[in-house]
Amino acid sequence: MKAIALISGGLDSILAAKTAQEEGVRVIPLHFKIPFSHRDKGVSSRENNLISFVKNSLGSDLKIFDISNEFLKLLIKPEHGFGANLNPCIDCKIFMLTKTREIMKELDAAFVVTGEVLGQRPMSQHRKALELIEKKSGLEGLLLRPLSAKLLPETTPEKQGWVSREKLLDFSGRSRRPQIKLAQKFGIKDYPNAAGGCLLTDPEFAGRLKELIAHRQLSLNNIELLKIGRHFRLSEQARLVVGRDEKEGKELENLASAGDYLFFPNEELAGPTSLGRGEFNPDLINLSCSITCRYCDLNGSKEAVIIIKRGTDPSGYGEAPKPIGWFGAPPPCGDSPSFLRVPPISDTELQNLKI
C-alpha cells in the first residue's frame, strides 16, 4: 500500500514517515516549498540538504512542489486567523493537505501521513484543530498521524489493516525526548532543527511582513529581502535594506532587480552594501547614502563617499560602477557621476525610519 508522507523539513515528519514505512507502507515523501524558510545556508543548499536527508532516512527520492505564489494569498485574510505572529497555521495545513489530496490519485497513494503531535503546537495541534484540518482538507479517515495515532480516532488505514494501530505511537505535548529516542532507534542522525523554522512565527520577521503587506508590496522577491539586513521605510513607495556583513551584502546584490539601487562606500572605507527598492527621487538617493554612511567605519571622518549603482536589468550589476546621473549638487569628489559624499544620518532620524 502506498501513502504520501508530507515532509516539513523537521524531525517529526521524517519519524512519522519512517514509522509508516516500518509497517510495510510504500512511502512517497513530498515537500511543499513556501518562501518562509531561513536563508542561513541559501535556498538551494537547504533543499539539497533536505533531499539528502530524506534519501538517507527513507531511501526514497523527495518530491518538491513549489506553492509559494498560491501561499501568499493565505496571508491576506486567513479563515482561521493567525497564531502569535503572522502564522496562519490552520489554514496552511488545510491548504497543503488539500493540495496533497488532489495529487493522491496521480501518485497512486491510498492515504496521507503527517508528523503532527497532539498538543505540540498551541494553535494547530490540539484535538479540535486536528479534527478541523482533517475535515476541511477532505481527508477524513485518510489522514494518519503515526506519532500520536493511539491518542486519536482510528483511521481507515488502521481499520483496513494497512497499518497496525498497536505499532503506532502515543506522543503528546511539547517534549522532544520521545522523538529523539525514536530517531536513535531508527538510526536517524544529523536531523534538522526539531523545532522547525517557519519565519512567520518570528516576531521581527512578522513585523516586517505586516509592514510590507500594509504598503501593498507583497511579492516573493520582497519577502526574500525581509530575511536579511536592517530595514528602513523611506517613503510610501521606497524602502532601503542595509546589509549587516559581507555575506548579506552579496545576498543583496543577488536579490537586486531591474530598477533597484545599490549603495556602498568606496574602497577606502569598510562598510555595508545597501539595496534601495521603489520610487526614488534625489532626496531619497541622498537619504539612502546617509543611512549607508551611518554604518561605515569612518575612521574619524565626518563623511564618506558612497557609490551609487542602478540596474536597468539583472546584468547591470557588475564590478565596475555604472553612471546613473548625478542627483543634487555637483559631486565634490571628482568627475564621476556615480558617487556622493555625505555625512551619516543622525541616530534619531535613523530610528524614525527603521522598520
Protein backbone atom coordinates (compact mmCIF):
# COMPACT_ATOMS: atom_id res chain seq x y z
CA MET A 1 0.00 0.00 0.00
CA LYS A 2 1.33 3.45 -0.91
CA ALA A 3 0.97 6.68 1.09
CA ILE A 4 2.14 10.25 0.63
CA ALA A 5 4.21 11.43 3.60
CA LEU A 6 4.37 15.21 3.97
CA ILE A 7 7.92 16.26 4.86
CA SER A 8 8.16 19.64 6.55
CA GLY A 9 11.93 19.75 6.94
CA GLY A 10 11.93 19.00 10.67
CA LEU A 11 12.37 15.73 12.55
CA ASP A 12 8.74 14.82 13.29
CA SER A 13 7.64 14.38 9.70
CA ILE A 14 10.60 12.08 8.95
CA LEU A 15 9.82 9.98 12.03
CA ALA A 16 6.17 9.69 11.01
CA ALA A 17 7.15 8.60 7.50
CA LYS A 18 9.68 6.11 8.88
CA THR A 19 7.11 4.68 11.31
CA ALA A 20 4.68 4.07 8.45
CA GLN A 21 7.49 2.64 6.34
CA GLU A 22 8.39 0.20 9.11
CA GLU A 23 4.86 -1.17 8.83
CA GLY A 24 5.36 -2.03 5.18
CA VAL A 25 3.83 1.12 3.69
CA ARG A 26 5.47 2.35 0.47
CA VAL A 27 6.09 5.94 1.44
CA ILE A 28 6.21 8.76 -1.13
CA PRO A 29 7.93 11.72 0.59
CA LEU A 30 6.53 15.07 -0.52
CA HIS A 31 7.65 18.58 0.42
CA PHE A 32 5.74 21.79 -0.29
CA LYS A 33 8.06 24.73 -0.84
CA ILE A 34 6.96 28.09 0.59
CA PRO A 35 9.00 31.32 0.90
CA PHE A 36 9.25 31.43 4.69
CA SER A 37 12.36 29.43 5.49
CA HIS A 38 15.57 30.95 6.79
CA ARG A 39 18.30 31.96 4.33
CA ASP A 40 21.10 30.82 6.65
CA LYS A 41 22.54 28.31 4.17
CA GLY A 42 20.93 29.50 0.98
CA VAL A 43 17.80 28.20 -0.68
CA SER A 44 19.46 25.66 -2.97
CA SER A 45 21.75 24.37 -0.21
CA ARG A 46 18.83 23.90 2.18
CA GLU A 47 16.83 21.99 -0.43
CA ASN A 48 19.81 19.80 -1.29
CA ASN A 49 20.33 19.03 2.40
CA LEU A 50 16.66 18.07 2.78
CA ILE A 51 16.79 15.87 -0.33
CA SER A 52 19.87 14.08 1.00
CA PHE A 53 18.40 13.72 4.49
CA VAL A 54 15.20 12.17 3.15
CA LYS A 55 17.13 9.83 0.87
CA ASN A 56 19.38 8.68 3.72
CA SER A 57 16.49 8.28 6.17
CA LEU A 58 13.81 6.74 3.96
CA GLY A 59 15.70 5.51 0.92
CA SER A 60 13.27 7.41 -1.29
CA ASP A 61 13.51 10.44 -3.56
CA LEU A 62 11.82 13.57 -2.26
CA LYS A 63 9.21 15.20 -4.46
CA ILE A 64 9.14 19.01 -4.17
CA PHE A 65 6.17 21.16 -5.16
CA ASP A 66 6.60 24.95 -5.17
CA ILE A 67 3.39 26.57 -3.91
CA SER A 68 4.93 29.94 -2.99
CA ASN A 69 2.71 32.20 -5.10
CA GLU A 70 -0.51 30.48 -4.04
CA PHE A 71 0.56 30.51 -0.41
CA LEU A 72 0.85 34.31 -0.31
CA LYS A 73 -2.95 34.56 -0.54
CA LEU A 74 -3.23 32.98 2.92
CA LEU A 75 -1.51 35.99 4.46
CA ILE A 76 -4.19 38.49 3.48
CA LYS A 77 -7.12 37.17 5.48
CA PRO A 78 -6.87 33.53 6.61
CA GLU A 79 -10.22 31.99 7.51
CA HIS A 80 -8.97 30.62 10.81
CA GLY A 81 -6.77 33.53 11.79
CA PHE A 82 -3.13 33.88 12.77
CA GLY A 83 -1.07 32.47 15.61
CA ALA A 84 1.04 34.61 17.91
CA ASN A 85 2.60 36.44 14.95
CA LEU A 86 1.72 36.14 11.26
CA ASN A 87 1.45 32.35 11.07
CA PRO A 88 -1.85 31.08 9.58
CA CYS A 89 -1.06 27.57 10.82
CA ILE A 90 -4.51 26.00 10.46
CA ASP A 91 -5.13 27.45 7.00
CA CYS A 92 -1.60 26.46 6.00
CA LYS A 93 -2.15 22.82 6.93
CA ILE A 94 -5.57 22.73 5.28
CA PHE A 95 -4.11 24.23 2.11
CA MET A 96 -1.21 21.78 1.94
CA LEU A 97 -3.36 18.75 2.71
CA THR A 98 -5.94 19.80 0.14
CA LYS A 99 -3.11 20.02 -2.41
CA THR A 100 -1.96 16.58 -1.32
CA ARG A 101 -5.44 15.12 -1.71
CA GLU A 102 -5.58 16.48 -5.27
CA ILE A 103 -2.44 14.58 -6.29
CA MET A 104 -3.09 11.32 -4.43
CA LYS A 105 -4.62 9.64 -7.48
CA GLU A 106 -1.77 10.77 -9.69
CA LEU A 107 0.74 9.14 -7.31
CA ASP A 108 -1.48 6.10 -6.67
CA ALA A 109 -1.50 6.79 -2.93
CA ALA A 110 -4.22 5.43 -0.64
CA PHE A 111 -3.71 7.77 2.33
CA VAL A 112 -1.57 10.58 3.76
CA VAL A 113 0.97 10.56 6.60
CA THR A 114 1.95 13.66 8.61
CA GLY A 115 4.20 14.28 11.59
CA GLU A 116 1.78 16.23 13.76
CA VAL A 117 1.96 15.57 17.50
CA LEU A 118 -1.09 16.13 19.70
CA GLY A 119 -0.59 19.16 21.95
CA GLN A 120 2.75 20.21 20.48
CA ARG A 121 1.59 23.44 18.80
CA PRO A 122 -0.95 25.62 20.64
CA MET A 123 -2.81 26.79 17.53
CA SER A 124 -2.88 23.87 15.13
CA GLN A 125 -2.16 20.67 17.03
CA HIS A 126 -4.81 20.47 19.72
CA ARG A 127 -7.54 17.89 19.24
CA LYS A 128 -10.23 20.18 17.77
CA ALA A 129 -7.75 21.77 15.34
CA LEU A 130 -6.58 18.37 14.11
CA GLU A 131 -10.19 17.31 13.51
CA LEU A 132 -10.95 20.57 11.69
CA ILE A 133 -7.87 20.27 9.46
CA GLU A 134 -8.77 16.70 8.52
CA LYS A 135 -12.36 17.60 7.67
CA LYS A 136 -11.62 20.81 5.75
CA SER A 137 -8.94 19.15 3.64
CA GLY A 138 -11.33 16.39 2.55
CA LEU A 139 -9.13 13.67 4.03
CA GLU A 140 -11.48 12.34 6.71
CA GLY A 141 -10.29 8.89 7.70
CA LEU A 142 -7.35 9.04 5.28
CA LEU A 143 -5.00 11.20 7.37
CA LEU A 144 -2.68 9.11 9.53
CA ARG A 145 -0.62 10.83 12.24
CA PRO A 146 1.61 7.94 13.40
CA LEU A 147 3.33 9.78 16.26
CA SER A 148 0.04 10.39 18.12
CA ALA A 149 -2.23 7.83 16.44
CA LYS A 150 -3.05 5.91 19.64
CA LEU A 151 -4.47 9.11 21.15
CA LEU A 152 -6.63 9.89 18.10
CA PRO A 153 -9.63 8.21 16.46
CA GLU A 154 -8.93 5.11 14.40
CA THR A 155 -8.27 5.88 10.75
CA THR A 156 -9.11 3.99 7.56
CA PRO A 157 -5.53 2.64 7.18
CA GLU A 158 -5.86 1.12 10.65
CA LYS A 159 -9.36 -0.25 10.08
CA GLN A 160 -8.32 -1.80 6.78
CA GLY A 161 -5.22 -3.36 8.28
CA TRP A 162 -2.81 -1.39 6.10
CA VAL A 163 -1.03 -0.45 9.34
CA SER A 164 -1.24 -1.92 12.84
CA ARG A 165 -2.54 0.51 15.44
CA GLU A 166 -0.52 -1.31 18.12
CA LYS A 167 2.71 -0.38 16.35
CA LEU A 168 1.79 3.28 16.15
CA LEU A 169 2.70 5.79 18.87
CA ASP A 170 1.17 7.95 21.60
CA PHE A 171 3.39 11.03 21.68
CA SER A 172 1.87 14.21 23.08
CA GLY A 173 2.96 17.60 24.37
CA ARG A 174 5.99 19.74 23.65
CA SER A 175 8.77 17.47 24.95
CA ARG A 176 11.26 16.37 22.31
CA ARG A 177 12.61 13.38 24.23
CA PRO A 178 10.33 10.75 22.64
CA GLN A 179 11.25 11.96 19.14
CA ILE A 180 14.97 11.98 19.89
CA LYS A 181 14.75 8.46 21.34
CA LEU A 182 12.82 7.25 18.28
CA ALA A 183 15.37 8.84 15.96
CA GLN A 184 18.11 6.92 17.76
CA LYS A 185 16.12 3.69 17.37
CA PHE A 186 15.79 4.28 13.60
CA GLY A 187 19.44 5.33 13.31
CA ILE A 188 18.47 8.77 12.07
CA LYS A 189 21.28 11.26 12.66
CA ASP A 190 22.14 14.84 11.73
CA TYR A 191 18.49 15.71 11.53
CA PRO A 192 17.24 19.29 11.03
CA ASN A 193 16.22 21.59 13.85
CA ALA A 194 13.45 19.73 15.63
CA ALA A 195 11.55 22.95 16.35
CA GLY A 196 11.09 23.72 12.68
CA GLY A 197 11.94 27.03 11.10
CA CYS A 198 8.91 28.92 9.76
CA LEU A 199 9.74 32.62 9.73
CA LEU A 200 6.07 33.53 10.10
CA THR A 201 6.41 32.63 13.79
CA ASP A 202 9.36 35.00 14.24
CA PRO A 203 8.24 38.35 15.75
CA GLU A 204 10.81 40.50 13.92
CA PHE A 205 10.16 38.94 10.53
CA ALA A 206 6.39 39.03 11.08
CA GLY A 207 6.59 42.75 11.88
CA ARG A 208 8.45 43.43 8.66
CA LEU A 209 5.98 41.33 6.69
CA LYS A 210 2.98 43.16 8.16
CA GLU A 211 4.57 46.45 7.15
CA LEU A 212 5.12 45.12 3.63
CA ILE A 213 1.51 43.98 3.32
CA ALA A 214 0.26 47.33 4.66
CA HIS A 215 2.11 49.06 1.80
CA ARG A 216 0.70 46.59 -0.76
CA GLN A 217 4.17 45.39 -1.71
CA LEU A 218 3.78 41.68 -1.06
CA SER A 219 5.83 39.67 -3.57
CA LEU A 220 8.24 36.74 -3.47
CA ASN A 221 11.27 38.93 -4.18
CA ASN A 222 10.31 41.41 -1.47
CA ILE A 223 9.83 38.55 1.00
CA GLU A 224 13.37 37.34 0.35
CA LEU A 225 14.60 40.85 1.17
CA LEU A 226 12.86 40.69 4.56
CA LYS A 227 15.07 37.79 5.63
CA ILE A 228 18.28 39.80 5.75
CA GLY A 229 19.65 43.17 6.77
CA ARG A 230 18.33 46.25 8.53
CA HIS A 231 15.16 47.70 7.02
CA PHE A 232 14.09 51.33 6.61
CA ARG A 233 10.92 52.87 5.20
CA LEU A 234 11.93 55.98 3.27
CA SER A 235 8.52 56.80 1.80
CA GLU A 236 5.24 55.08 0.98
CA GLN A 237 6.84 53.64 -2.15
CA ALA A 238 10.51 53.29 -1.20
CA ARG A 239 12.47 51.18 1.26
CA LEU A 240 16.15 50.59 1.98
CA VAL A 241 17.81 47.39 3.20
CA VAL A 242 21.29 47.66 4.73
CA GLY A 243 23.41 44.51 4.90
CA ARG A 244 24.90 43.60 8.26
CA ASP A 245 28.02 41.94 6.90
CA GLU A 246 29.80 40.96 3.70
CA LYS A 247 27.65 37.84 3.25
CA GLU A 248 24.43 39.84 3.42
CA GLY A 249 25.91 42.41 1.05
CA LYS A 250 26.45 39.69 -1.54
CA GLU A 251 22.91 38.43 -0.99
CA LEU A 252 21.51 41.91 -1.57
CA GLU A 253 23.44 42.15 -4.83
CA ASN A 254 21.97 38.81 -5.90
CA LEU A 255 18.45 39.93 -4.99
CA ALA A 256 18.70 43.25 -6.85
CA SER A 257 16.07 43.58 -9.58
CA ALA A 258 15.84 45.90 -12.55
CA GLY A 259 15.43 49.46 -11.29
CA ASP A 260 16.82 48.78 -7.81
CA TYR A 261 19.64 50.90 -6.40
CA LEU A 262 22.80 49.65 -4.73
CA PHE A 263 24.77 51.86 -2.33
CA PHE A 264 28.19 51.08 -0.83
CA PRO A 265 31.29 53.00 0.31
CA ASN A 266 34.32 53.43 -1.89
CA GLU A 267 37.26 51.09 -1.36
CA GLU A 268 38.92 53.41 1.18
CA LEU A 269 36.30 52.60 3.81
CA ALA A 270 34.80 49.45 5.28
CA GLY A 271 31.02 49.48 5.18
CA PRO A 272 27.83 47.80 4.08
CA THR A 273 26.04 47.27 0.81
CA SER A 274 22.51 48.69 0.82
CA LEU A 275 19.67 48.00 -1.58
CA GLY A 276 17.02 50.60 -2.38
CA ARG A 277 13.74 49.49 -3.92
CA GLY A 278 10.75 51.51 -5.06
CA GLU A 279 10.24 55.04 -6.36
CA PHE A 280 13.32 57.16 -5.60
CA ASN A 281 13.85 60.89 -6.06
CA PRO A 282 17.02 62.98 -5.46
CA ASP A 283 16.20 63.45 -1.77
CA LEU A 284 15.76 59.71 -1.20
CA ILE A 285 19.03 58.98 -3.01
CA ASN A 286 20.80 61.35 -0.64
CA LEU A 287 18.99 59.86 2.35
CA SER A 288 19.98 56.33 1.35
CA CYS A 289 23.61 57.38 1.07
CA SER A 290 23.49 58.96 4.52
CA ILE A 291 21.98 55.81 6.04
CA THR A 292 24.65 53.67 4.37
CA CYS A 293 27.30 56.09 5.65
CA ARG A 294 25.98 55.67 9.19
CA TYR A 295 27.09 52.02 9.16
CA CYS A 296 30.52 52.67 7.63
CA ASP A 297 33.78 52.66 9.58
CA LEU A 298 34.57 56.34 9.13
CA ASN A 299 37.93 56.24 10.94
CA GLY A 300 37.27 59.63 12.50
CA SER A 301 35.99 61.26 9.32
CA LYS A 302 32.71 63.19 9.32
CA GLU A 303 31.57 61.93 5.93
CA ALA A 304 32.01 59.17 3.38
CA VAL A 305 32.00 58.75 -0.38
CA ILE A 306 29.12 56.41 -1.30
CA ILE A 307 28.99 54.71 -4.69
CA ILE A 308 25.56 54.50 -6.30
CA LYS A 309 24.57 51.95 -8.93
CA ARG A 310 21.27 51.35 -10.59
CA GLY A 311 20.42 48.36 -12.75
CA THR A 312 18.24 48.50 -15.85
CA ASP A 313 18.37 44.70 -16.00
CA PRO A 314 19.92 41.95 -13.82
CA SER A 315 23.20 42.10 -15.80
CA GLY A 316 23.52 45.78 -14.93
CA TYR A 317 25.22 44.90 -11.63
CA GLY A 318 28.87 44.25 -12.43
CA GLU A 319 32.11 45.00 -10.63
CA ALA A 320 32.55 48.46 -12.11
CA PRO A 321 30.19 51.31 -11.08
CA LYS A 322 27.74 52.30 -13.78
CA PRO A 323 26.92 56.03 -14.08
CA ILE A 324 23.33 56.85 -13.26
CA GLY A 325 23.36 60.64 -13.47
CA TRP A 326 24.04 63.00 -10.59
CA PHE A 327 21.38 63.89 -8.06
CA GLY A 328 21.66 67.13 -6.10
CA ALA A 329 24.79 69.31 -6.06
CA PRO A 330 27.77 68.58 -8.36
CA PRO A 331 29.98 65.88 -6.87
CA PRO A 332 32.87 67.31 -4.83
CA CYS A 333 34.91 64.11 -5.19
CA GLY A 334 35.67 64.04 -8.91
CA ASP A 335 34.06 63.92 -12.31
CA SER A 336 32.29 60.57 -11.99
CA PRO A 337 28.51 60.95 -11.77
CA SER A 338 28.06 57.78 -9.62
CA PHE A 339 29.48 59.00 -6.31
CA LEU A 340 28.13 61.11 -3.50
CA ARG A 341 29.95 62.49 -0.46
CA VAL A 342 27.62 62.59 2.56
CA PRO A 343 27.65 62.77 6.37
CA PRO A 344 25.97 59.96 8.35
CA ILE A 345 22.32 60.30 9.30
CA SER A 346 21.66 61.09 12.95
CA ASP A 347 20.61 58.28 15.28
CA THR A 348 17.27 59.97 15.95
CA GLU A 349 16.43 60.22 12.25
CA LEU A 350 17.60 56.66 11.72
CA GLN A 351 15.31 55.26 14.39
CA ASN A 352 12.34 57.11 12.95
CA LEU A 353 12.85 55.36 9.61
CA LYS A 354 13.63 51.89 10.92
CA ILE A 355 11.06 49.14 10.34
